[in-house]
Amino acid sequence: MNILLTVLEIVAPVFILAAIGFTWVKLGFDYRIEFVTRLAMTLSVPCLIFSALMRTEIAPDALTIVSLAAVAAYGIVTIACFVLVKLGRMDVRTYLAPLIFGNTGNLGLPLALFAFGDEGLGYAVVIFAIMAIYSFTFGVWLVSGGGSLSKVLKEPLVASTILGALFLVMDWETPQFLTNSIELIGQMAIPMMLITLGVAVARLKPQGVGKAVVASTIKAGICVAAATAAGMWFELPPIPFAVLVLQVSTPVAVTSYLLSVKYEADSDAVAGLVVVSTLLSVGYIPLTLAFLI
């Protein structure tokens, strides 16, 4: 019973904030998701990543091992999901990227913070950054046929990750007034992303729900298994192990839907994956956390 209460305390704020965004839209209130998403990805999330890395007490070599484990896990997920798409005779351009890349930002970061505190957030931002870089290169290439390294290097979250890692390794800190400002801006990120997640789900018009249920269920199993295998292979301690499994197993990201719209893939099918996998996560994420805590 204590474990169930602990898990509820962790996941309840996440889904309550998402429900606020969902309800906000259903009540007919305006929410400019493009503006909020740009504000989050350009300003608040990079500040969150930089401050989390700069202030973390985690040893750099521990973060390196977690990074390698994350790369290995996403490699396994990529191969397994490619096989799934081919066996299911699904369109690679539409389905593969959404099945690989989870919602490590909107959902993974707050869950890691609530479940494992600042240490968990430190590991989570590193995994999120790795996923984001992979998504902006290979993911965009899958959907559009043309990823660009120069675009990746211009992304603020990539720059914040590199800069934060440098400050961590060199044991530097910004002046206190600047640190306070950066942390304050970063604190916007998590509630803003969760509310935006709810808004996005409320506005989606999913199709192909049956196929989405099967694909999302198999995706969850693949991701949990891949992250578990990578964590065991690299002999991760309990907290980074748990954060890796949590981050890799997050449901399909809303950004996958936005990319499918931008590059004219089957956006309605991707919307189905986002909605179904997010709803499924209400069940399997608490179970996963109960096992990991």
C-alpha atoms as a PDB file:
ATOM      1  CA  MET A   1       0.000   0.000   0.000  1.00  0.00           C
ATOM      2  CA  ASN A   2       2.847   2.395   0.806  1.00  0.00           C
ATOM      3  CA  ILE A   3       4.373   1.792  -2.632  1.00  0.00           C
ATOM      4  CA  LEU A   4       1.031   2.496  -4.325  1.00  0.00           C
ATOM      5  CA  LEU A   5       0.642   5.748  -2.402  1.00  0.00           C
ATOM      6  CA  THR A   6       4.192   6.780  -3.297  1.00  0.00           C
ATOM      7  CA  VAL A   7       3.595   6.078  -6.981  1.00  0.00           C
ATOM      8  CA  LEU A   8       0.298   7.993  -6.854  1.00  0.00           C
ATOM      9  CA  GLU A   9       2.045  10.981  -5.301  1.00  0.00           C
ATOM     10  CA  ILE A  10       4.569  10.913  -8.158  1.00  0.00           C
ATOM     11  CA  VAL A  11       2.260  10.481 -11.137  1.00  0.00           C
ATOM     12  CA  ALA A  12      -0.780  12.425  -9.911  1.00  0.00           C
ATOM     13  CA  PRO A  13       0.713  15.946 -10.370  1.00  0.00           C
ATOM     14  CA  VAL A  14       1.868  14.998 -13.874  1.00  0.00           C
ATOM     15  CA  PHE A  15      -1.528  13.844 -15.089  1.00  0.00           C
ATOM     16  CA  ILE A  16      -3.421  16.552 -13.171  1.00  0.00           C
ATOM     17  CA  LEU A  17      -1.468  19.278 -14.981  1.00  0.00           C
ATOM     18  CA  ALA A  18      -2.018  17.527 -18.317  1.00  0.00           C
ATOM     19  CA  ALA A  19      -5.729  17.279 -17.463  1.00  0.00           C
ATOM     20  CA  ILE A  20      -5.804  21.031 -16.807  1.00  0.00           C
ATOM     21  CA  GLY A  21      -4.525  21.668 -20.332  1.00  0.00           C
ATOM     22  CA  PHE A  22      -7.005  19.174 -21.772  1.00  0.00           C
ATOM     23  CA  THR A  23      -9.921  20.752 -19.898  1.00  0.00           C
ATOM     24  CA  TRP A  24      -8.792  24.281 -20.773  1.00  0.00           C
ATOM     25  CA  VAL A  25      -9.163  23.549 -24.488  1.00  0.00           C
ATOM     26  CA  LYS A  26     -12.432  21.622 -24.097  1.00  0.00           C
ATOM     27  CA  LEU A  27     -13.901  24.656 -22.304  1.00  0.00           C
ATOM     28  CA  GLY A  28     -13.133  26.715 -25.395  1.00  0.00           C
ATOM     29  CA  PHE A  29     -10.322  28.860 -24.000  1.00  0.00           C
ATOM     30  CA  ASP A  30      -7.509  29.976 -26.301  1.00  0.00           C
ATOM     31  CA  TYR A  31      -4.064  28.379 -26.011  1.00  0.00           C
ATOM     32  CA  ARG A  32      -1.383  29.212 -28.561  1.00  0.00           C
ATOM     33  CA  ILE A  33       0.492  25.953 -28.553  1.00  0.00           C
ATOM     34  CA  GLU A  34       3.032  27.058 -31.189  1.00  0.00           C
ATOM     35  CA  PHE A  35       4.082  30.054 -29.075  1.00  0.00           C
ATOM     36  CA  VAL A  36       4.249  28.090 -25.829  1.00  0.00           C
ATOM     37  CA  THR A  37       6.194  25.256 -27.457  1.00  0.00           C
ATOM     38  CA  ARG A  38       8.695  27.711 -28.949  1.00  0.00           C
ATOM     39  CA  LEU A  39       9.061  29.468 -25.582  1.00  0.00           C
ATOM     40  CA  ALA A  40       9.673  26.130 -23.854  1.00  0.00           C
ATOM     41  CA  MET A  41      12.137  24.684 -26.385  1.00  0.00           C
ATOM     42  CA  THR A  42      14.008  27.959 -26.966  1.00  0.00           C
ATOM     43  CA  LEU A  43      14.202  29.356 -23.450  1.00  0.00           C
ATOM     44  CA  SER A  44      12.793  27.505 -20.454  1.00  0.00           C
ATOM     45  CA  VAL A  45      13.935  23.918 -21.252  1.00  0.00           C
ATOM     46  CA  PRO A  46      17.501  24.977 -22.170  1.00  0.00           C
ATOM     47  CA  CYS A  47      17.689  26.923 -18.900  1.00  0.00           C
ATOM     48  CA  LEU A  48      16.383  23.872 -17.024  1.00  0.00           C
ATOM     49  CA  ILE A  49      18.977  21.612 -18.660  1.00  0.00           C
ATOM     50  CA  PHE A  50      21.857  24.014 -18.084  1.00  0.00           C
ATOM     51  CA  SER A  51      21.020  24.691 -14.440  1.00  0.00           C
ATOM     52  CA  ALA A  52      20.349  21.006 -13.708  1.00  0.00           C
ATOM     53  CA  LEU A  53      23.724  19.973 -15.143  1.00  0.00           C
ATOM     54  CA  MET A  54      25.638  22.859 -13.581  1.00  0.00           C
ATOM     55  CA  ARG A  55      24.206  22.325 -10.101  1.00  0.00           C
ATOM     56  CA  THR A  56      24.099  18.521 -10.097  1.00  0.00           C
ATOM     57  CA  GLU A  57      26.180  16.613  -7.600  1.00  0.00           C
ATOM     58  CA  ILE A  58      26.461  13.646  -9.956  1.00  0.00           C
ATOM     59  CA  ALA A  59      30.003  12.715 -10.985  1.00  0.00           C
ATOM     60  CA  PRO A  60      30.772  13.373 -14.688  1.00  0.00           C
ATOM     61  CA  ASP A  61      31.863   9.762 -15.224  1.00  0.00           C
ATOM     62  CA  ALA A  62      28.466   8.565 -13.937  1.00  0.00           C
ATOM     63  CA  LEU A  63      26.711  10.807 -16.453  1.00  0.00           C
ATOM     64  CA  THR A  64      28.986   9.423 -19.179  1.00  0.00           C
ATOM     65  CA  ILE A  65      27.962   5.847 -18.371  1.00  0.00           C
ATOM     66  CA  VAL A  66      24.284   6.836 -18.384  1.00  0.00           C
ATOM     67  CA  SER A  67      24.784   8.550 -21.752  1.00  0.00           C
ATOM     68  CA  LEU A  68      26.327   5.402 -23.225  1.00  0.00           C
ATOM     69  CA  ALA A  69      23.515   3.292 -21.797  1.00  0.00           C
ATOM     70  CA  ALA A  70      20.951   5.663 -23.327  1.00  0.00           C
ATOM     71  CA  VAL A  71      22.634   5.467 -26.742  1.00  0.00           C
ATOM     72  CA  ALA A  72      22.636   1.654 -26.508  1.00  0.00           C
ATOM     73  CA  ALA A  73      18.981   1.565 -25.429  1.00  0.00           C
ATOM     74  CA  TYR A  74      17.856   3.789 -28.309  1.00  0.00           C
ATOM     75  CA  GLY A  75      19.902   1.678 -30.692  1.00  0.00           C
ATOM     76  CA  ILE A  76      18.030  -1.446 -29.579  1.00  0.00           C
ATOM     77  CA  VAL A  77      14.689   0.385 -29.738  1.00  0.00           C
ATOM     78  CA  THR A  78      15.438   1.597 -33.280  1.00  0.00           C
ATOM     79  CA  ILE A  79      16.221  -1.900 -34.577  1.00  0.00           C
ATOM     80  CA  ALA A  80      13.254  -3.519 -32.813  1.00  0.00           C
ATOM     81  CA  CYS A  81      10.789  -0.841 -33.951  1.00  0.00           C
ATOM     82  CA  PHE A  82      12.060  -1.090 -37.526  1.00  0.00           C
ATOM     83  CA  VAL A  83      11.324  -4.821 -37.438  1.00  0.00           C
ATOM     84  CA  LEU A  84       7.885  -4.086 -35.945  1.00  0.00           C
ATOM     85  CA  VAL A  85       7.045  -1.590 -38.693  1.00  0.00           C
ATOM     86  CA  LYS A  86       8.178  -3.959 -41.440  1.00  0.00           C
ATOM     87  CA  LEU A  87       6.315  -6.964 -40.020  1.00  0.00           C
ATOM     88  CA  GLY A  88       3.195  -4.840 -39.557  1.00  0.00           C
ATOM     89  CA  ARG A  89       3.500  -3.514 -43.117  1.00  0.00           C
ATOM     90  CA  MET A  90       3.313   0.038 -41.803  1.00  0.00           C
ATOM     91  CA  ASP A  91       4.681   3.084 -43.584  1.00  0.00           C
ATOM     92  CA  VAL A  92       8.234   3.667 -42.317  1.00  0.00           C
ATOM     93  CA  ARG A  93       8.091   7.443 -42.828  1.00  0.00           C
ATOM     94  CA  THR A  94       4.904   7.702 -40.778  1.00  0.00           C
ATOM     95  CA  TYR A  95       5.384   5.177 -37.986  1.00  0.00           C
ATOM     96  CA  LEU A  96       9.067   4.528 -37.256  1.00  0.00           C
ATOM     97  CA  ALA A  97      10.097   7.867 -35.738  1.00  0.00           C
ATOM     98  CA  PRO A  98       7.069   8.132 -33.401  1.00  0.00           C
ATOM     99  CA  LEU A  99       7.652   4.579 -32.161  1.00  0.00           C
ATOM    100  CA  ILE A 100      11.320   5.291 -31.400  1.00  0.00           C
ATOM    101  CA  PHE A 101      11.115   8.705 -29.737  1.00  0.00           C
ATOM    102  CA  GLY A 102       9.199   9.056 -26.488  1.00  0.00           C
ATOM    103  CA  ASN A 103       7.898  12.067 -24.628  1.00  0.00           C
ATOM    104  CA  THR A 104      11.052  12.434 -22.530  1.00  0.00           C
ATOM    105  CA  GLY A 105      10.550  16.190 -22.143  1.00  0.00           C
ATOM    106  CA  ASN A 106       6.897  16.836 -21.313  1.00  0.00           C
ATOM    107  CA  LEU A 107       6.456  13.614 -19.351  1.00  0.00           C
ATOM    108  CA  GLY A 108       9.857  12.112 -18.566  1.00  0.00           C
ATOM    109  CA  LEU A 109      11.487  15.121 -16.902  1.00  0.00           C
ATOM    110  CA  PRO A 110       8.716  15.815 -14.359  1.00  0.00           C
ATOM    111  CA  LEU A 111       8.313  12.123 -13.554  1.00  0.00           C
ATOM    112  CA  ALA A 112      12.053  11.777 -12.931  1.00  0.00           C
ATOM    113  CA  LEU A 113      12.031  14.889 -10.748  1.00  0.00           C
ATOM    114  CA  PHE A 114       9.032  13.837  -8.668  1.00  0.00           C
ATOM    115  CA  ALA A 115      10.206  10.236  -8.347  1.00  0.00           C
ATOM    116  CA  PHE A 116      13.944  10.694  -7.744  1.00  0.00           C
ATOM    117  CA  GLY A 117      14.518  14.360  -6.923  1.00  0.00           C
ATOM    118  CA  ASP A 118      17.312  16.544  -8.284  1.00  0.00           C
ATOM    119  CA  GLU A 119      19.603  13.558  -8.850  1.00  0.00           C
ATOM    120  CA  GLY A 120      16.972  11.891 -11.011  1.00  0.00           C
ATOM    121  CA  LEU A 121      16.405  15.121 -12.926  1.00  0.00           C
ATOM    122  CA  GLY A 122      20.135  15.381 -13.618  1.00  0.00           C
ATOM    123  CA  TYR A 123      20.167  11.957 -15.262  1.00  0.00           C
ATOM    124  CA  ALA A 124      16.861  12.630 -17.016  1.00  0.00           C
ATOM    125  CA  VAL A 125      18.022  15.835 -18.736  1.00  0.00           C
ATOM    126  CA  VAL A 126      21.035  14.010 -20.166  1.00  0.00           C
ATOM    127  CA  ILE A 127      18.840  11.249 -21.604  1.00  0.00           C
ATOM    128  CA  PHE A 128      16.383  13.859 -22.873  1.00  0.00           C
ATOM    129  CA  ALA A 129      19.194  15.735 -24.623  1.00  0.00           C
ATOM    130  CA  ILE A 130      20.488  12.536 -26.272  1.00  0.00           C
ATOM    131  CA  MET A 131      16.989  11.676 -27.476  1.00  0.00           C
ATOM    132  CA  ALA A 132      16.455  15.222 -28.766  1.00  0.00           C
ATOM    133  CA  ILE A 133      19.686  15.240 -30.762  1.00  0.00           C
ATOM    134  CA  TYR A 134      18.848  11.814 -32.202  1.00  0.00           C
ATOM    135  CA  SER A 135      15.342  13.020 -33.019  1.00  0.00           C
ATOM    136  CA  PHE A 136      16.533  16.217 -34.731  1.00  0.00           C
ATOM    137  CA  THR A 137      18.897  14.230 -36.954  1.00  0.00           C
ATOM    138  CA  PHE A 138      17.759  10.666 -37.642  1.00  0.00           C
ATOM    139  CA  GLY A 139      14.144  11.397 -36.714  1.00  0.00           C
ATOM    140  CA  VAL A 140      13.812  14.353 -39.067  1.00  0.00           C
ATOM    141  CA  TRP A 141      15.607  12.377 -41.785  1.00  0.00           C
ATOM    142  CA  LEU A 142      13.070   9.561 -41.410  1.00  0.00           C
ATOM    143  CA  VAL A 143      10.080  11.860 -41.758  1.00  0.00           C
ATOM    144  CA  SER A 144      11.431  14.322 -44.329  1.00  0.00           C
ATOM    145  CA  GLY A 145      14.362  12.588 -46.013  1.00  0.00           C
ATOM    146  CA  GLY A 146      16.886  15.254 -45.010  1.00  0.00           C
ATOM    147  CA  GLY A 147      18.292  15.728 -41.525  1.00  0.00           C
ATOM    148  CA  SER A 148      20.857  18.469 -41.049  1.00  0.00           C
ATOM    149  CA  LEU A 149      23.734  18.596 -38.553  1.00  0.00           C
ATOM    150  CA  SER A 150      23.859  22.399 -38.788  1.00  0.00           C
ATOM    151  CA  LYS A 151      20.230  22.592 -37.636  1.00  0.00           C
ATOM    152  CA  VAL A 152      21.031  20.407 -34.645  1.00  0.00           C
ATOM    153  CA  LEU A 153      23.951  22.585 -33.570  1.00  0.00           C
ATOM    154  CA  LYS A 154      21.705  25.660 -33.714  1.00  0.00           C
ATOM    155  CA  GLU A 155      19.158  24.154 -31.326  1.00  0.00           C
ATOM    156  CA  PRO A 156      19.277  25.960 -27.927  1.00  0.00           C
ATOM    157  CA  LEU A 157      18.811  22.735 -25.963  1.00  0.00           C
ATOM    158  CA  VAL A 158      21.897  21.223 -27.642  1.00  0.00           C
ATOM    159  CA  ALA A 159      23.967  24.300 -26.797  1.00  0.00           C
ATOM    160  CA  SER A 160      22.648  24.294 -23.220  1.00  0.00           C
ATOM    161  CA  THR A 161      23.554  20.618 -22.831  1.00  0.00           C
ATOM    162  CA  ILE A 162      27.112  21.144 -24.069  1.00  0.00           C
ATOM    163  CA  LEU A 163      27.543  24.272 -21.956  1.00  0.00           C
ATOM    164  CA  GLY A 164      26.032  22.637 -18.879  1.00  0.00           C
ATOM    165  CA  ALA A 165      28.302  19.616 -19.281  1.00  0.00           C
ATOM    166  CA  LEU A 166      31.317  21.929 -19.582  1.00  0.00           C
ATOM    167  CA  PHE A 167      30.391  23.764 -16.374  1.00  0.00           C
ATOM    168  CA  LEU A 168      29.879  20.401 -14.648  1.00  0.00           C
ATOM    169  CA  VAL A 169      33.238  18.974 -15.714  1.00  0.00           C
ATOM    170  CA  MET A 170      35.127  22.199 -14.942  1.00  0.00           C
ATOM    171  CA  ASP A 171      33.239  22.707 -11.664  1.00  0.00           C
ATOM    172  CA  TRP A 172      32.233  26.222 -12.706  1.00  0.00           C
ATOM    173  CA  GLU A 173      29.198  28.182 -11.586  1.00  0.00           C
ATOM    174  CA  THR A 174      27.588  31.339 -12.905  1.00  0.00           C
ATOM    175  CA  PRO A 175      27.264  34.347 -10.565  1.00  0.00           C
ATOM    176  CA  GLN A 176      24.469  33.852  -8.049  1.00  0.00           C
ATOM    177  CA  PHE A 177      22.179  36.513  -9.536  1.00  0.00           C
ATOM    178  CA  LEU A 178      22.465  34.850 -12.948  1.00  0.00           C
ATOM    179  CA  THR A 179      22.016  31.362 -11.487  1.00  0.00           C
ATOM    180  CA  ASN A 180      18.838  32.477  -9.739  1.00  0.00           C
ATOM    181  CA  SER A 181      17.506  33.963 -12.980  1.00  0.00           C
ATOM    182  CA  ILE A 182      18.323  30.857 -15.024  1.00  0.00           C
ATOM    183  CA  GLU A 183      16.730  28.559 -12.446  1.00  0.00           C
ATOM    184  CA  LEU A 184      13.603  30.737 -12.296  1.00  0.00           C
ATOM    185  CA  ILE A 185      13.207  30.577 -16.074  1.00  0.00           C
ATOM    186  CA  GLY A 186      13.852  26.833 -16.016  1.00  0.00           C
ATOM    187  CA  GLN A 187      11.143  26.305 -13.403  1.00  0.00           C
ATOM    188  CA  MET A 188       8.573  27.346 -16.014  1.00  0.00           C
ATOM    189  CA  ALA A 189       9.434  24.382 -18.189  1.00  0.00           C
ATOM    190  CA  ILE A 190       7.866  21.424 -16.410  1.00  0.00           C
ATOM    191  CA  PRO A 191       4.375  22.819 -15.636  1.00  0.00           C
ATOM    192  CA  MET A 192       4.254  24.537 -19.020  1.00  0.00           C
ATOM    193  CA  MET A 193       5.160  21.347 -20.904  1.00  0.00           C
ATOM    194  CA  LEU A 194       2.630  19.255 -18.986  1.00  0.00           C
ATOM    195  CA  ILE A 195      -0.226  21.687 -19.601  1.00  0.00           C
ATOM    196  CA  THR A 196       0.789  21.887 -23.268  1.00  0.00           C
ATOM    197  CA  LEU A 197       0.723  18.093 -23.472  1.00  0.00           C
ATOM    198  CA  GLY A 198      -2.890  18.108 -22.324  1.00  0.00           C
ATOM    199  CA  VAL A 199      -3.762  20.858 -24.797  1.00  0.00           C
ATOM    200  CA  ALA A 200      -2.136  18.983 -27.678  1.00  0.00           C
ATOM    201  CA  VAL A 201      -3.897  15.714 -26.872  1.00  0.00           C
ATOM    202  CA  ALA A 202      -7.246  17.531 -26.671  1.00  0.00           C
ATOM    203  CA  ARG A 203      -6.771  18.986 -30.158  1.00  0.00           C
ATOM    204  CA  LEU A 204      -5.626  15.823 -31.916  1.00  0.00           C
ATOM    205  CA  LYS A 205      -7.949  13.960 -34.269  1.00  0.00           C
ATOM    206  CA  PRO A 206      -6.712  10.385 -34.180  1.00  0.00           C
ATOM    207  CA  GLN A 207      -7.374   7.710 -36.792  1.00  0.00           C
ATOM    208  CA  GLY A 208      -6.443   4.040 -37.011  1.00  0.00           C
ATOM    209  CA  VAL A 209      -7.010   3.497 -33.288  1.00  0.00           C
ATOM    210  CA  GLY A 210      -6.867  -0.313 -33.527  1.00  0.00           C
ATOM    211  CA  LYS A 211      -3.447  -0.286 -35.156  1.00  0.00           C
ATOM    212  CA  ALA A 212      -2.328   2.408 -32.696  1.00  0.00           C
ATOM    213  CA  VAL A 213      -3.311   0.255 -29.714  1.00  0.00           C
ATOM    214  CA  VAL A 214      -1.284  -2.717 -30.962  1.00  0.00           C
ATOM    215  CA  ALA A 215       1.732  -0.622 -32.002  1.00  0.00           C
ATOM    216  CA  SER A 216       1.730   1.432 -28.770  1.00  0.00           C
ATOM    217  CA  THR A 217       1.496  -1.657 -26.581  1.00  0.00           C
ATOM    218  CA  ILE A 218       4.370  -3.370 -28.371  1.00  0.00           C
ATOM    219  CA  LYS A 219       6.384  -0.112 -28.306  1.00  0.00           C
ATOM    220  CA  ALA A 220       6.028   0.089 -24.516  1.00  0.00           C
ATOM    221  CA  GLY A 221       7.258  -3.492 -24.138  1.00  0.00           C
ATOM    222  CA  ILE A 222      10.179  -2.948 -26.506  1.00  0.00           C
ATOM    223  CA  CYS A 223      11.268   0.247 -24.758  1.00  0.00           C
ATOM    224  CA  VAL A 224      11.106  -1.172 -21.231  1.00  0.00           C
ATOM    225  CA  ALA A 225      13.025  -4.284 -22.327  1.00  0.00           C
ATOM    226  CA  ALA A 226      15.660  -2.293 -24.249  1.00  0.00           C
ATOM    227  CA  ALA A 227      16.282   0.151 -21.394  1.00  0.00           C
ATOM    228  CA  THR A 228      16.421  -2.671 -18.860  1.00  0.00           C
ATOM    229  CA  ALA A 229      18.920  -4.602 -20.981  1.00  0.00           C
ATOM    230  CA  ALA A 230      21.119  -1.512 -21.495  1.00  0.00           C
ATOM    231  CA  GLY A 231      20.977  -0.602 -17.803  1.00  0.00           C
ATOM    232  CA  MET A 232      21.990  -4.107 -16.773  1.00  0.00           C
ATOM    233  CA  TRP A 233      24.745  -4.287 -19.400  1.00  0.00           C
ATOM    234  CA  PHE A 234      26.322  -1.044 -18.135  1.00  0.00           C
ATOM    235  CA  GLU A 235      25.648  -2.036 -14.497  1.00  0.00           C
ATOM    236  CA  LEU A 236      23.875   1.216 -13.662  1.00  0.00           C
ATOM    237  CA  PRO A 237      23.102   1.977 -10.004  1.00  0.00           C
ATOM    238  CA  PRO A 238      19.414   1.953  -8.970  1.00  0.00           C
ATOM    239  CA  ILE A 239      18.494   5.616  -9.603  1.00  0.00           C
ATOM    240  CA  PRO A 240      20.098   6.077 -13.050  1.00  0.00           C
ATOM    241  CA  PHE A 241      18.809   2.613 -13.995  1.00  0.00           C
ATOM    242  CA  ALA A 242      15.258   3.607 -13.035  1.00  0.00           C
ATOM    243  CA  VAL A 243      15.493   6.973 -14.804  1.00  0.00           C
ATOM    244  CA  LEU A 244      16.769   5.308 -17.987  1.00  0.00           C
ATOM    245  CA  VAL A 245      13.860   2.844 -18.040  1.00  0.00           C
ATOM    246  CA  LEU A 246      11.386   5.632 -17.263  1.00  0.00           C
ATOM    247  CA  GLN A 247      12.664   7.997 -19.952  1.00  0.00           C
ATOM    248  CA  VAL A 248      13.033   5.453 -22.749  1.00  0.00           C
ATOM    249  CA  SER A 249       9.566   3.994 -22.078  1.00  0.00           C
ATOM    250  CA  THR A 250       7.643   7.296 -22.236  1.00  0.00           C
ATOM    251  CA  PRO A 251       4.755   7.394 -24.752  1.00  0.00           C
ATOM    252  CA  VAL A 252       4.871   8.879 -28.256  1.00  0.00           C
ATOM    253  CA  ALA A 253       5.853  12.552 -28.212  1.00  0.00           C
ATOM    254  CA  VAL A 254       3.545  15.308 -29.443  1.00  0.00           C
ATOM    255  CA  THR A 255       6.479  16.646 -31.473  1.00  0.00           C
ATOM    256  CA  SER A 256       6.193  13.524 -33.646  1.00  0.00           C
ATOM    257  CA  TYR A 257       2.731  14.699 -34.656  1.00  0.00           C
ATOM    258  CA  LEU A 258       3.993  18.216 -35.395  1.00  0.00           C
ATOM    259  CA  LEU A 259       6.780  16.798 -37.587  1.00  0.00           C
ATOM    260  CA  SER A 260       4.322  14.596 -39.456  1.00  0.00           C
ATOM    261  CA  VAL A 261       2.199  17.646 -40.226  1.00  0.00           C
ATOM    262  CA  LYS A 262       5.203  19.692 -41.296  1.00  0.00           C
ATOM    263  CA  TYR A 263       6.588  17.022 -43.645  1.00  0.00           C
ATOM    264  CA  GLU A 264       3.207  15.725 -44.878  1.00  0.00           C
ATOM    265  CA  ALA A 265       3.326  12.224 -43.443  1.00  0.00           C
ATOM    266  CA  ASP A 266       0.101  10.567 -42.243  1.00  0.00           C
ATOM    267  CA  SER A 267      -0.504  12.985 -39.357  1.00  0.00           C
ATOM    268  CA  ASP A 268      -3.872  11.454 -38.377  1.00  0.00           C
ATOM    269  CA  ALA A 269      -2.214   8.065 -37.872  1.00  0.00           C
ATOM    270  CA  VAL A 270       0.524   9.678 -35.746  1.00  0.00           C
ATOM    271  CA  ALA A 271      -2.165  11.501 -33.758  1.00  0.00           C
ATOM    272  CA  GLY A 272      -3.670   8.094 -32.985  1.00  0.00           C
ATOM    273  CA  LEU A 273      -0.320   6.877 -31.693  1.00  0.00           C
ATOM    274  CA  VAL A 274       0.103   9.961 -29.485  1.00  0.00           C
ATOM    275  CA  VAL A 275      -3.363   9.713 -27.935  1.00  0.00           C
ATOM    276  CA  VAL A 276      -3.401   5.924 -27.467  1.00  0.00           C
ATOM    277  CA  SER A 277       0.161   5.640 -26.131  1.00  0.00           C
ATOM    278  CA  THR A 278      -0.412   8.543 -23.722  1.00  0.00           C
ATOM    279  CA  LEU A 279      -3.593   6.928 -22.392  1.00  0.00           C
ATOM    280  CA  LEU A 280      -1.815   3.570 -22.058  1.00  0.00           C
ATOM    281  CA  SER A 281       0.985   5.279 -20.116  1.00  0.00           C
ATOM    282  CA  VAL A 282      -1.516   6.180 -17.389  1.00  0.00           C
ATOM    283  CA  GLY A 283      -1.527   2.465 -16.619  1.00  0.00           C
ATOM    284  CA  TYR A 284       1.950   1.153 -17.406  1.00  0.00           C
ATOM    285  CA  ILE A 285       4.045   4.059 -16.088  1.00  0.00           C
ATOM    286  CA  PRO A 286       2.725   3.710 -12.495  1.00  0.00           C
ATOM    287  CA  LEU A 287       3.339  -0.046 -12.720  1.00  0.00           C
ATOM    288  CA  THR A 288       6.870   0.566 -13.999  1.00  0.00           C
ATOM    289  CA  LEU A 289       7.547   3.070 -11.213  1.00  0.00           C
ATOM    290  CA  ALA A 290       6.189   0.667  -8.589  1.00  0.00           C
ATOM    291  CA  PHE A 291       8.648  -1.941  -9.844  1.00  0.00           C
ATOM    292  CA  LEU A 292      11.585   0.480  -9.949  1.00  0.00           C
ATOM    293  CA  ILE A 293      11.122   2.287  -6.624  1.00  0.00           C
END
